[in-house]
């Protein structure tokens, strides 16, 4: 699978997990102590998500890291 395709799949899972957790982008950004635009930029692919941020998001969404990386 090409890298961009794989990254897009991770982003789709992040969006799905956030919605399943009934959280807004603004709420998640606040939980991470980030500007309110942080998650919007991440989910749109405008900004990359690093490993530590992915671990934080997995914790917030109560999902194992493997959920995002399958």
C-alpha atoms as a PDB file:
ATOM      1  CA  UNK A   1       0.000   0.000   0.000  1.00  0.00           C
ATOM      2  CA  UNK A   2       1.436   3.422  -0.922  1.00  0.00           C
ATOM      3  CA  UNK A   3       2.411   5.640   2.022  1.00  0.00           C
ATOM      4  CA  UNK A   4      -0.227   8.321   1.362  1.00  0.00           C
ATOM      5  CA  UNK A   5      -2.952   5.702   1.119  1.00  0.00           C
ATOM      6  CA  UNK A   6      -1.856   4.163   4.425  1.00  0.00           C
ATOM      7  CA  UNK A   7      -1.736   7.594   6.119  1.00  0.00           C
ATOM      8  CA  UNK A   8      -5.206   8.450   4.789  1.00  0.00           C
ATOM      9  CA  UNK A   9      -6.519   5.204   6.304  1.00  0.00           C
ATOM     10  CA  UNK A  10      -5.052   6.194   9.694  1.00  0.00           C
ATOM     11  CA  UNK A  11      -6.764   9.585   9.429  1.00  0.00           C
ATOM     12  CA  UNK A  12     -10.089   7.937   8.618  1.00  0.00           C
ATOM     13  CA  UNK A  13      -9.770   5.765  11.713  1.00  0.00           C
ATOM     14  CA  UNK A  14      -8.905   8.812  13.827  1.00  0.00           C
ATOM     15  CA  UNK A  15     -12.041  10.598  12.651  1.00  0.00           C
ATOM     16  CA  UNK A  16     -14.177   7.508  13.247  1.00  0.00           C
ATOM     17  CA  UNK A  17     -12.739   7.009  16.749  1.00  0.00           C
ATOM     18  CA  UNK A  18     -13.364  10.659  17.662  1.00  0.00           C
ATOM     19  CA  UNK A  19     -16.958  10.445  16.494  1.00  0.00           C
ATOM     20  CA  UNK A  20     -17.488   7.167  18.371  1.00  0.00           C
ATOM     21  CA  UNK A  21     -16.183   8.933  21.499  1.00  0.00           C
ATOM     22  CA  UNK A  22     -18.724  11.742  20.915  1.00  0.00           C
ATOM     23  CA  UNK A  23     -16.014  14.406  20.985  1.00  0.00           C
ATOM     24  CA  UNK A  24     -15.579  17.482  18.816  1.00  0.00           C
ATOM     25  CA  UNK A  25     -12.264  18.484  17.283  1.00  0.00           C
ATOM     26  CA  UNK A  26     -12.202  21.462  19.631  1.00  0.00           C
ATOM     27  CA  UNK A  27     -12.743  19.247  22.710  1.00  0.00           C
ATOM     28  CA  UNK A  28      -9.949  16.870  21.719  1.00  0.00           C
ATOM     29  CA  UNK A  29      -7.574  19.752  20.999  1.00  0.00           C
ATOM     30  CA  UNK A  30      -8.327  21.169  24.460  1.00  0.00           C
ATOM     31  CA  UNK A  31      -7.712  17.774  26.105  1.00  0.00           C
ATOM     32  CA  UNK A  32      -4.320  17.727  24.389  1.00  0.00           C
ATOM     33  CA  UNK A  33      -3.630  21.339  25.439  1.00  0.00           C
ATOM     34  CA  UNK A  34      -3.325  22.389  21.807  1.00  0.00           C
ATOM     35  CA  UNK A  35      -4.822  25.271  19.789  1.00  0.00           C
ATOM     36  CA  UNK A  36      -8.440  24.679  18.761  1.00  0.00           C
ATOM     37  CA  UNK A  37      -7.383  24.184  15.123  1.00  0.00           C
ATOM     38  CA  UNK A  38      -4.901  21.412  15.953  1.00  0.00           C
ATOM     39  CA  UNK A  39      -7.107  18.386  15.333  1.00  0.00           C
ATOM     40  CA  UNK A  40      -8.819  19.909  12.316  1.00  0.00           C
ATOM     41  CA  UNK A  41      -5.438  20.301  10.635  1.00  0.00           C
ATOM     42  CA  UNK A  42      -4.431  16.773  11.614  1.00  0.00           C
ATOM     43  CA  UNK A  43      -7.637  15.153  10.375  1.00  0.00           C
ATOM     44  CA  UNK A  44      -7.499  17.035   7.069  1.00  0.00           C
ATOM     45  CA  UNK A  45      -3.882  15.976   6.466  1.00  0.00           C
ATOM     46  CA  UNK A  46      -2.660  19.578   6.595  1.00  0.00           C
ATOM     47  CA  UNK A  47      -0.513  18.666   9.606  1.00  0.00           C
ATOM     48  CA  UNK A  48       1.176  15.324  10.305  1.00  0.00           C
ATOM     49  CA  UNK A  49       0.552  13.415  13.503  1.00  0.00           C
ATOM     50  CA  UNK A  50       3.610  12.149  15.327  1.00  0.00           C
ATOM     51  CA  UNK A  51       3.802   8.929  17.315  1.00  0.00           C
ATOM     52  CA  UNK A  52       3.413  10.594  20.716  1.00  0.00           C
ATOM     53  CA  UNK A  53       0.309  12.454  19.522  1.00  0.00           C
ATOM     54  CA  UNK A  54      -1.131   9.226  18.136  1.00  0.00           C
ATOM     55  CA  UNK A  55      -0.596   7.582  21.527  1.00  0.00           C
ATOM     56  CA  UNK A  56      -2.375  10.517  23.214  1.00  0.00           C
ATOM     57  CA  UNK A  57      -5.287  10.280  20.795  1.00  0.00           C
ATOM     58  CA  UNK A  58      -5.562   6.534  21.316  1.00  0.00           C
ATOM     59  CA  UNK A  59      -5.823   7.161  25.054  1.00  0.00           C
ATOM     60  CA  UNK A  60      -8.439   9.873  24.646  1.00  0.00           C
ATOM     61  CA  UNK A  61     -10.508   7.684  22.335  1.00  0.00           C
ATOM     62  CA  UNK A  62      -9.949   4.580  24.510  1.00  0.00           C
ATOM     63  CA  UNK A  63      -8.676   2.580  21.549  1.00  0.00           C
ATOM     64  CA  UNK A  64      -5.563   0.402  21.320  1.00  0.00           C
ATOM     65  CA  UNK A  65      -2.858   1.853  19.102  1.00  0.00           C
ATOM     66  CA  UNK A  66      -3.329  -1.152  16.812  1.00  0.00           C
ATOM     67  CA  UNK A  67      -6.814   0.156  15.936  1.00  0.00           C
ATOM     68  CA  UNK A  68      -5.199   3.035  14.022  1.00  0.00           C
ATOM     69  CA  UNK A  69      -2.342   1.051  12.469  1.00  0.00           C
ATOM     70  CA  UNK A  70      -4.065  -2.008  11.040  1.00  0.00           C
END
